[in-house]
């Protein structure tokens, strides 16, 4: 049996947060480091397609409907 892959959507706030992270790191570190971190965040997010429950449950959203997960990457929660 083949499991159906889940679609991952970035809402506008998430997209803006990623741009802000990228721009901040580009300004304070380097464009290379900013790209590396941005690419790692995007790659980890895409990996949720195959195994959506691989990250820990978000404790602040346990009482909300849905299955909220998070992972810390370079001190940023995704």
C-alpha atoms as a PDB file:
ATOM      1  CA  UNK A   1       0.000   0.000   0.000  1.00  0.00           C
ATOM      2  CA  UNK A   2       1.358   3.408  -0.972  1.00  0.00           C
ATOM      3  CA  UNK A   3       0.804   6.252   1.448  1.00  0.00           C
ATOM      4  CA  UNK A   4      -0.478   9.480  -0.036  1.00  0.00           C
ATOM      5  CA  UNK A   5       1.947  12.358   0.287  1.00  0.00           C
ATOM      6  CA  UNK A   6       0.707  15.434   2.077  1.00  0.00           C
ATOM      7  CA  UNK A   7       0.816  18.846   0.485  1.00  0.00           C
ATOM      8  CA  UNK A   8       2.810  21.443   2.391  1.00  0.00           C
ATOM      9  CA  UNK A   9       1.629  25.039   2.159  1.00  0.00           C
ATOM     10  CA  UNK A  10       3.471  28.143   3.281  1.00  0.00           C
ATOM     11  CA  UNK A  11       1.061  30.879   4.340  1.00  0.00           C
ATOM     12  CA  UNK A  12       1.966  34.531   3.812  1.00  0.00           C
ATOM     13  CA  UNK A  13       3.198  34.962   7.389  1.00  0.00           C
ATOM     14  CA  UNK A  14       5.512  31.947   7.079  1.00  0.00           C
ATOM     15  CA  UNK A  15       6.890  33.210   3.766  1.00  0.00           C
ATOM     16  CA  UNK A  16       7.535  36.636   5.274  1.00  0.00           C
ATOM     17  CA  UNK A  17       9.229  35.057   8.296  1.00  0.00           C
ATOM     18  CA  UNK A  18      11.539  33.069   6.039  1.00  0.00           C
ATOM     19  CA  UNK A  19      12.393  36.222   4.067  1.00  0.00           C
ATOM     20  CA  UNK A  20      13.084  38.084   7.318  1.00  0.00           C
ATOM     21  CA  UNK A  21      15.357  35.303   8.582  1.00  0.00           C
ATOM     22  CA  UNK A  22      17.209  35.245   5.270  1.00  0.00           C
ATOM     23  CA  UNK A  23      17.634  39.031   5.132  1.00  0.00           C
ATOM     24  CA  UNK A  24      18.765  39.260   8.755  1.00  0.00           C
ATOM     25  CA  UNK A  25      21.402  36.545   8.340  1.00  0.00           C
ATOM     26  CA  UNK A  26      22.528  38.009   5.020  1.00  0.00           C
ATOM     27  CA  UNK A  27      23.052  41.377   6.718  1.00  0.00           C
ATOM     28  CA  UNK A  28      24.697  40.087   9.918  1.00  0.00           C
ATOM     29  CA  UNK A  29      26.651  37.084   8.584  1.00  0.00           C
ATOM     30  CA  UNK A  30      26.890  36.460   4.836  1.00  0.00           C
ATOM     31  CA  UNK A  31      24.765  35.634   1.832  1.00  0.00           C
ATOM     32  CA  UNK A  32      26.227  32.117   1.756  1.00  0.00           C
ATOM     33  CA  UNK A  33      25.178  31.381   5.337  1.00  0.00           C
ATOM     34  CA  UNK A  34      21.763  32.943   4.715  1.00  0.00           C
ATOM     35  CA  UNK A  35      21.237  30.682   1.689  1.00  0.00           C
ATOM     36  CA  UNK A  36      22.405  27.613   3.614  1.00  0.00           C
ATOM     37  CA  UNK A  37      19.980  28.229   6.465  1.00  0.00           C
ATOM     38  CA  UNK A  38      17.090  29.118   4.140  1.00  0.00           C
ATOM     39  CA  UNK A  39      17.692  25.967   2.090  1.00  0.00           C
ATOM     40  CA  UNK A  40      17.852  23.794   5.222  1.00  0.00           C
ATOM     41  CA  UNK A  41      14.554  25.209   6.500  1.00  0.00           C
ATOM     42  CA  UNK A  42      12.875  24.616   3.128  1.00  0.00           C
ATOM     43  CA  UNK A  43      14.319  21.084   2.832  1.00  0.00           C
ATOM     44  CA  UNK A  44      13.158  20.097   6.313  1.00  0.00           C
ATOM     45  CA  UNK A  45       9.707  21.461   5.555  1.00  0.00           C
ATOM     46  CA  UNK A  46       9.501  19.506   2.283  1.00  0.00           C
ATOM     47  CA  UNK A  47      10.481  16.321   4.126  1.00  0.00           C
ATOM     48  CA  UNK A  48       7.169  16.511   5.981  1.00  0.00           C
ATOM     49  CA  UNK A  49       5.456  15.278   2.788  1.00  0.00           C
ATOM     50  CA  UNK A  50       6.708  11.746   3.437  1.00  0.00           C
ATOM     51  CA  UNK A  51       6.544  11.547   7.221  1.00  0.00           C
ATOM     52  CA  UNK A  52       4.475  14.372   8.733  1.00  0.00           C
ATOM     53  CA  UNK A  53       4.740  13.157  12.323  1.00  0.00           C
ATOM     54  CA  UNK A  54       8.525  12.933  12.413  1.00  0.00           C
ATOM     55  CA  UNK A  55       8.882  16.158  14.395  1.00  0.00           C
ATOM     56  CA  UNK A  56       7.800  16.725  17.986  1.00  0.00           C
ATOM     57  CA  UNK A  57       4.297  17.886  18.837  1.00  0.00           C
ATOM     58  CA  UNK A  58       4.021  21.616  19.442  1.00  0.00           C
ATOM     59  CA  UNK A  59       3.199  21.792  23.183  1.00  0.00           C
ATOM     60  CA  UNK A  60       1.595  25.248  22.923  1.00  0.00           C
ATOM     61  CA  UNK A  61      -0.946  23.968  20.383  1.00  0.00           C
ATOM     62  CA  UNK A  62      -1.901  20.604  21.921  1.00  0.00           C
ATOM     63  CA  UNK A  63      -5.416  21.816  22.721  1.00  0.00           C
ATOM     64  CA  UNK A  64      -6.007  23.143  19.205  1.00  0.00           C
ATOM     65  CA  UNK A  65      -7.630  21.004  16.507  1.00  0.00           C
ATOM     66  CA  UNK A  66      -5.062  19.591  14.114  1.00  0.00           C
ATOM     67  CA  UNK A  67      -1.694  17.927  14.287  1.00  0.00           C
ATOM     68  CA  UNK A  68       0.899  20.636  14.923  1.00  0.00           C
ATOM     69  CA  UNK A  69       4.587  19.722  14.860  1.00  0.00           C
ATOM     70  CA  UNK A  70       7.792  21.715  15.109  1.00  0.00           C
ATOM     71  CA  UNK A  71      11.532  21.449  14.697  1.00  0.00           C
ATOM     72  CA  UNK A  72      14.279  23.848  15.673  1.00  0.00           C
ATOM     73  CA  UNK A  73      16.694  24.615  12.850  1.00  0.00           C
ATOM     74  CA  UNK A  74      19.505  27.074  13.528  1.00  0.00           C
ATOM     75  CA  UNK A  75      17.477  28.422  16.500  1.00  0.00           C
ATOM     76  CA  UNK A  76      14.359  28.964  14.375  1.00  0.00           C
ATOM     77  CA  UNK A  77      11.168  26.988  14.952  1.00  0.00           C
ATOM     78  CA  UNK A  78       9.519  25.556  11.883  1.00  0.00           C
END
